[in-house]
Amino acid sequence: MKRKELIKKITSIGCELARHGGRHDLYRNTKTGKKQPVPRHDEIDERLARHIIKELS
């Protein structure tokens, strides 16, 4: 999955960028308060993308 697609999906469920890191960006769900790092690679493995979406939902 492309990183841009993943960012679109998690922002549509109510997440926002919490901070930039060295190799990852940290996204936070404003409703639940859960945080999850998102790697800065152009391509993100499908399993990892599903895990990130599941944790932030």
C-alpha atoms as a PDB file:
ATOM      1  CA  MET A   1       0.000   0.000   0.000  1.00  0.00           C
ATOM      2  CA  LYS A   2       1.264   3.457  -0.798  1.00  0.00           C
ATOM      3  CA  ARG A   3       1.964   5.682   2.198  1.00  0.00           C
ATOM      4  CA  LYS A   4      -0.320   8.414   0.850  1.00  0.00           C
ATOM      5  CA  GLU A   5      -3.246   5.977   0.695  1.00  0.00           C
ATOM      6  CA  LEU A   6      -2.655   4.881   4.288  1.00  0.00           C
ATOM      7  CA  ILE A   7      -2.504   8.484   5.496  1.00  0.00           C
ATOM      8  CA  LYS A   8      -5.804   9.240   3.719  1.00  0.00           C
ATOM      9  CA  LYS A   9      -7.475   6.248   5.370  1.00  0.00           C
ATOM     10  CA  ILE A  10      -6.329   7.022   8.899  1.00  0.00           C
ATOM     11  CA  THR A  11      -7.131  10.723   8.637  1.00  0.00           C
ATOM     12  CA  SER A  12     -10.626   9.855   7.425  1.00  0.00           C
ATOM     13  CA  ILE A  13     -11.275   7.898  10.649  1.00  0.00           C
ATOM     14  CA  GLY A  14     -10.305  10.887  12.790  1.00  0.00           C
ATOM     15  CA  CYS A  15      -6.534  10.638  13.215  1.00  0.00           C
ATOM     16  CA  GLU A  16      -4.078  13.490  13.106  1.00  0.00           C
ATOM     17  CA  LEU A  17      -0.318  13.832  13.000  1.00  0.00           C
ATOM     18  CA  ALA A  18       1.032  13.980  16.554  1.00  0.00           C
ATOM     19  CA  ARG A  19       4.726  14.477  15.709  1.00  0.00           C
ATOM     20  CA  HIS A  20       7.420  13.834  13.150  1.00  0.00           C
ATOM     21  CA  GLY A  21      10.106  11.343  14.071  1.00  0.00           C
ATOM     22  CA  GLY A  22      13.389  10.295  12.521  1.00  0.00           C
ATOM     23  CA  ARG A  23      12.084   7.339  10.528  1.00  0.00           C
ATOM     24  CA  HIS A  24       8.416   7.290  11.531  1.00  0.00           C
ATOM     25  CA  ASP A  25       5.603   9.777  12.020  1.00  0.00           C
ATOM     26  CA  LEU A  26       3.335   9.333  15.023  1.00  0.00           C
ATOM     27  CA  TYR A  27      -0.403   9.539  14.368  1.00  0.00           C
ATOM     28  CA  ARG A  28      -3.017   9.870  17.115  1.00  0.00           C
ATOM     29  CA  ASN A  29      -6.724   9.123  17.054  1.00  0.00           C
ATOM     30  CA  THR A  30      -8.387  12.182  18.585  1.00  0.00           C
ATOM     31  CA  LYS A  31     -11.419  10.209  19.785  1.00  0.00           C
ATOM     32  CA  THR A  32      -9.699   7.260  21.466  1.00  0.00           C
ATOM     33  CA  GLY A  33      -6.284   8.758  22.218  1.00  0.00           C
ATOM     34  CA  LYS A  34      -4.477   5.750  20.715  1.00  0.00           C
ATOM     35  CA  LYS A  35      -1.144   6.415  19.008  1.00  0.00           C
ATOM     36  CA  GLN A  36       0.584   4.447  16.276  1.00  0.00           C
ATOM     37  CA  PRO A  37       3.843   5.046  14.375  1.00  0.00           C
ATOM     38  CA  VAL A  38       3.663   5.143  10.578  1.00  0.00           C
ATOM     39  CA  PRO A  39       6.909   4.487   8.667  1.00  0.00           C
ATOM     40  CA  ARG A  40       8.085   7.005   6.104  1.00  0.00           C
ATOM     41  CA  HIS A  41       8.614   4.420   3.346  1.00  0.00           C
ATOM     42  CA  ASP A  42       6.907   4.978  -0.014  1.00  0.00           C
ATOM     43  CA  GLU A  43       5.503   1.430   0.087  1.00  0.00           C
ATOM     44  CA  ILE A  44       4.119  -0.034   3.313  1.00  0.00           C
ATOM     45  CA  ASP A  45       3.470  -3.762   3.666  1.00  0.00           C
ATOM     46  CA  GLU A  46      -0.241  -4.647   3.485  1.00  0.00           C
ATOM     47  CA  ARG A  47      -0.195  -6.499   6.825  1.00  0.00           C
ATOM     48  CA  LEU A  48       1.461  -3.566   8.560  1.00  0.00           C
ATOM     49  CA  ALA A  49      -1.021  -1.122   7.005  1.00  0.00           C
ATOM     50  CA  ARG A  50      -3.984  -3.226   8.188  1.00  0.00           C
ATOM     51  CA  HIS A  51      -2.451  -3.411  11.680  1.00  0.00           C
ATOM     52  CA  ILE A  52      -2.011   0.373  11.841  1.00  0.00           C
ATOM     53  CA  ILE A  53      -5.608   0.975  10.714  1.00  0.00           C
ATOM     54  CA  LYS A  54      -6.944  -1.600  13.192  1.00  0.00           C
ATOM     55  CA  GLU A  55      -5.013  -0.123  16.120  1.00  0.00           C
ATOM     56  CA  LEU A  56      -6.123   3.436  15.346  1.00  0.00           C
ATOM     57  CA  SER A  57      -9.803   2.535  14.803  1.00  0.00           C
END
